[in-house]
Amino acid sequence: MADITLFMRLAVALAIGLMVGIERGWKARDVEDHGRAAGLRTFGLSGLMGGVCGVLATPLGPQFVGIGFVAFSAALGAFAWIEAKAKGDLSATTLIAGMLTFLLG
C-alpha cells in the first residue's frame, strides 16, 4: 500500500510540473524550434525532481529538500542568465516558475 501512495505522490508532482509546462509552452508556441528554453519536459522534470527530493527527505532528513532546491535553483539560474545574455531579455518568469514548480512537486 505504501508503494502505491509513493507513486501517487510522485505522479501528482509530475502532473504539477506538466501543467506548468503546458502553460509555459503555450506562451512560447510562436517561438521557433530550439528557441524555447523551458516547456513541458523541463517543468515536468522539475516537478518530479521536487517530488523525489521530498520522498528522499524522509530517510535523509528535511535539509535534503533545501539542498536539492538550492542546487536546482543554481542550475536553472545559470541557464536563465546565459539565455538572458544571449537574447537580451531580462525576464525572470521562467526562473521563478521553475523554482515554484520544484517546491510544489
C-alpha atoms as a PDB file:
ATOM      1  CA  MET A   1       0.000   0.000   0.000  1.00  0.00           C
ATOM      2  CA  ALA A   2       2.849   2.399   0.787  1.00  0.00           C
ATOM      3  CA  ASP A   3       4.289   1.885  -2.711  1.00  0.00           C
ATOM      4  CA  ILE A   4       1.025   2.975  -4.314  1.00  0.00           C
ATOM      5  CA  THR A   5       0.907   6.093  -2.144  1.00  0.00           C
ATOM      6  CA  LEU A   6       4.503   6.897  -3.082  1.00  0.00           C
ATOM      7  CA  PHE A   7       3.796   6.538  -6.796  1.00  0.00           C
ATOM      8  CA  MET A   8       0.606   8.573  -6.486  1.00  0.00           C
ATOM      9  CA  ARG A   9       2.529  11.392  -4.813  1.00  0.00           C
ATOM     10  CA  LEU A  10       5.212  11.319  -7.474  1.00  0.00           C
ATOM     11  CA  ALA A  11       2.525  11.261 -10.171  1.00  0.00           C
ATOM     12  CA  VAL A  12       0.960  14.372  -8.637  1.00  0.00           C
ATOM     13  CA  ALA A  13       4.386  16.073  -8.558  1.00  0.00           C
ATOM     14  CA  LEU A  14       4.885  15.190 -12.228  1.00  0.00           C
ATOM     15  CA  ALA A  15       1.364  16.385 -13.099  1.00  0.00           C
ATOM     16  CA  ILE A  16       2.004  19.741 -11.410  1.00  0.00           C
ATOM     17  CA  GLY A  17       5.152  20.179 -13.481  1.00  0.00           C
ATOM     18  CA  LEU A  18       3.392  19.152 -16.683  1.00  0.00           C
ATOM     19  CA  MET A  19       0.573  21.639 -16.086  1.00  0.00           C
ATOM     20  CA  VAL A  20       3.058  24.475 -15.580  1.00  0.00           C
ATOM     21  CA  GLY A  21       4.987  23.246 -18.629  1.00  0.00           C
ATOM     22  CA  ILE A  22       1.862  23.301 -20.783  1.00  0.00           C
ATOM     23  CA  GLU A  23       1.195  26.895 -19.781  1.00  0.00           C
ATOM     24  CA  ARG A  24       4.799  27.991 -20.361  1.00  0.00           C
ATOM     25  CA  GLY A  25       4.955  26.098 -23.661  1.00  0.00           C
ATOM     26  CA  TRP A  26       1.688  27.642 -24.815  1.00  0.00           C
ATOM     27  CA  LYS A  27       3.060  31.101 -24.061  1.00  0.00           C
ATOM     28  CA  ALA A  28       6.105  30.409 -26.258  1.00  0.00           C
ATOM     29  CA  ARG A  29       4.280  28.482 -29.001  1.00  0.00           C
ATOM     30  CA  ASP A  30       5.191  31.008 -31.690  1.00  0.00           C
ATOM     31  CA  VAL A  31       8.912  30.793 -30.955  1.00  0.00           C
ATOM     32  CA  GLU A  32      10.891  28.790 -33.493  1.00  0.00           C
ATOM     33  CA  ASP A  33      12.074  25.277 -32.635  1.00  0.00           C
ATOM     34  CA  HIS A  34      15.078  25.158 -30.295  1.00  0.00           C
ATOM     35  CA  GLY A  35      14.366  28.759 -29.361  1.00  0.00           C
ATOM     36  CA  ARG A  36      12.291  27.875 -26.310  1.00  0.00           C
ATOM     37  CA  ALA A  37      14.133  27.429 -23.060  1.00  0.00           C
ATOM     38  CA  ALA A  38      11.722  25.562 -20.858  1.00  0.00           C
ATOM     39  CA  GLY A  39       8.441  23.870 -21.605  1.00  0.00           C
ATOM     40  CA  LEU A  40       6.569  20.676 -20.967  1.00  0.00           C
ATOM     41  CA  ARG A  41       9.546  18.384 -20.439  1.00  0.00           C
ATOM     42  CA  THR A  42      11.611  20.805 -18.368  1.00  0.00           C
ATOM     43  CA  PHE A  43       8.819  21.723 -15.987  1.00  0.00           C
ATOM     44  CA  GLY A  44       7.569  18.136 -15.785  1.00  0.00           C
ATOM     45  CA  LEU A  45      11.016  17.035 -14.703  1.00  0.00           C
ATOM     46  CA  SER A  46      11.284  19.987 -12.313  1.00  0.00           C
ATOM     47  CA  GLY A  47       8.096  18.976 -10.519  1.00  0.00           C
ATOM     48  CA  LEU A  48       9.161  15.343 -10.431  1.00  0.00           C
ATOM     49  CA  MET A  49      12.584  16.308  -9.081  1.00  0.00           C
ATOM     50  CA  GLY A  50      10.924  18.254  -6.272  1.00  0.00           C
ATOM     51  CA  GLY A  51       8.738  15.256  -5.521  1.00  0.00           C
ATOM     52  CA  VAL A  52      11.711  12.894  -5.442  1.00  0.00           C
ATOM     53  CA  CYS A  53      13.572  15.254  -3.089  1.00  0.00           C
ATOM     54  CA  GLY A  54      10.506  15.289  -0.865  1.00  0.00           C
ATOM     55  CA  VAL A  55      10.405  11.487  -0.809  1.00  0.00           C
ATOM     56  CA  LEU A  56      14.122  11.274  -0.067  1.00  0.00           C
ATOM     57  CA  ALA A  57      13.737  13.783   2.760  1.00  0.00           C
ATOM     58  CA  THR A  58      12.121  11.066   4.880  1.00  0.00           C
ATOM     59  CA  PRO A  59      15.230   8.878   5.170  1.00  0.00           C
ATOM     60  CA  LEU A  60      17.828  11.623   4.624  1.00  0.00           C
ATOM     61  CA  GLY A  61      16.320  14.483   6.618  1.00  0.00           C
ATOM     62  CA  PRO A  62      14.417  17.630   5.682  1.00  0.00           C
ATOM     63  CA  GLN A  63      17.596  19.529   4.821  1.00  0.00           C
ATOM     64  CA  PHE A  64      17.821  17.340   1.712  1.00  0.00           C
ATOM     65  CA  VAL A  65      14.920  19.285   0.169  1.00  0.00           C
ATOM     66  CA  GLY A  66      16.732  22.553   0.877  1.00  0.00           C
ATOM     67  CA  ILE A  67      19.974  21.297  -0.617  1.00  0.00           C
ATOM     68  CA  GLY A  68      18.132  19.982  -3.663  1.00  0.00           C
ATOM     69  CA  PHE A  69      16.282  23.275  -4.059  1.00  0.00           C
ATOM     70  CA  VAL A  70      19.460  25.339  -3.857  1.00  0.00           C
ATOM     71  CA  ALA A  71      21.225  23.085  -6.395  1.00  0.00           C
ATOM     72  CA  PHE A  72      18.230  23.134  -8.737  1.00  0.00           C
ATOM     73  CA  SER A  73      17.838  26.910  -8.436  1.00  0.00           C
ATOM     74  CA  ALA A  74      21.544  27.477  -9.094  1.00  0.00           C
ATOM     75  CA  ALA A  75      21.484  25.324 -12.234  1.00  0.00           C
ATOM     76  CA  LEU A  76      18.266  26.885 -13.536  1.00  0.00           C
ATOM     77  CA  GLY A  77      19.513  30.371 -12.618  1.00  0.00           C
ATOM     78  CA  ALA A  78      22.761  29.837 -14.515  1.00  0.00           C
ATOM     79  CA  PHE A  79      20.821  28.663 -17.545  1.00  0.00           C
ATOM     80  CA  ALA A  80      18.440  31.635 -17.299  1.00  0.00           C
ATOM     81  CA  TRP A  81      21.399  34.014 -17.039  1.00  0.00           C
ATOM     82  CA  ILE A  82      23.051  32.573 -20.154  1.00  0.00           C
ATOM     83  CA  GLU A  83      19.765  32.717 -22.045  1.00  0.00           C
ATOM     84  CA  ALA A  84      19.102  36.302 -20.911  1.00  0.00           C
ATOM     85  CA  LYS A  85      22.541  37.385 -22.125  1.00  0.00           C
ATOM     86  CA  ALA A  86      22.036  35.679 -25.478  1.00  0.00           C
ATOM     87  CA  LYS A  87      18.542  37.088 -26.076  1.00  0.00           C
ATOM     88  CA  GLY A  88      18.862  40.387 -24.242  1.00  0.00           C
ATOM     89  CA  ASP A  89      15.693  39.565 -22.292  1.00  0.00           C
ATOM     90  CA  LEU A  90      15.914  40.111 -18.543  1.00  0.00           C
ATOM     91  CA  SER A  91      12.644  38.353 -17.644  1.00  0.00           C
ATOM     92  CA  ALA A  92      12.803  36.136 -14.572  1.00  0.00           C
ATOM     93  CA  THR A  93       9.408  34.488 -15.055  1.00  0.00           C
ATOM     94  CA  THR A  94      10.760  31.131 -16.215  1.00  0.00           C
ATOM     95  CA  LEU A  95      13.229  31.024 -13.331  1.00  0.00           C
ATOM     96  CA  ILE A  96      10.550  31.787 -10.732  1.00  0.00           C
ATOM     97  CA  ALA A  97       8.112  29.348 -12.359  1.00  0.00           C
ATOM     98  CA  GLY A  98      10.773  26.624 -12.281  1.00  0.00           C
ATOM     99  CA  MET A  99      11.573  27.238  -8.626  1.00  0.00           C
ATOM    100  CA  LEU A 100       7.888  27.194  -7.698  1.00  0.00           C
ATOM    101  CA  THR A 101       7.338  24.018  -9.701  1.00  0.00           C
ATOM    102  CA  PHE A 102      10.150  22.313  -7.817  1.00  0.00           C
ATOM    103  CA  LEU A 103       8.707  23.373  -4.474  1.00  0.00           C
ATOM    104  CA  LEU A 104       5.151  22.399  -5.385  1.00  0.00           C
ATOM    105  CA  GLY A 105       6.382  18.988  -6.520  1.00  0.00           C
END
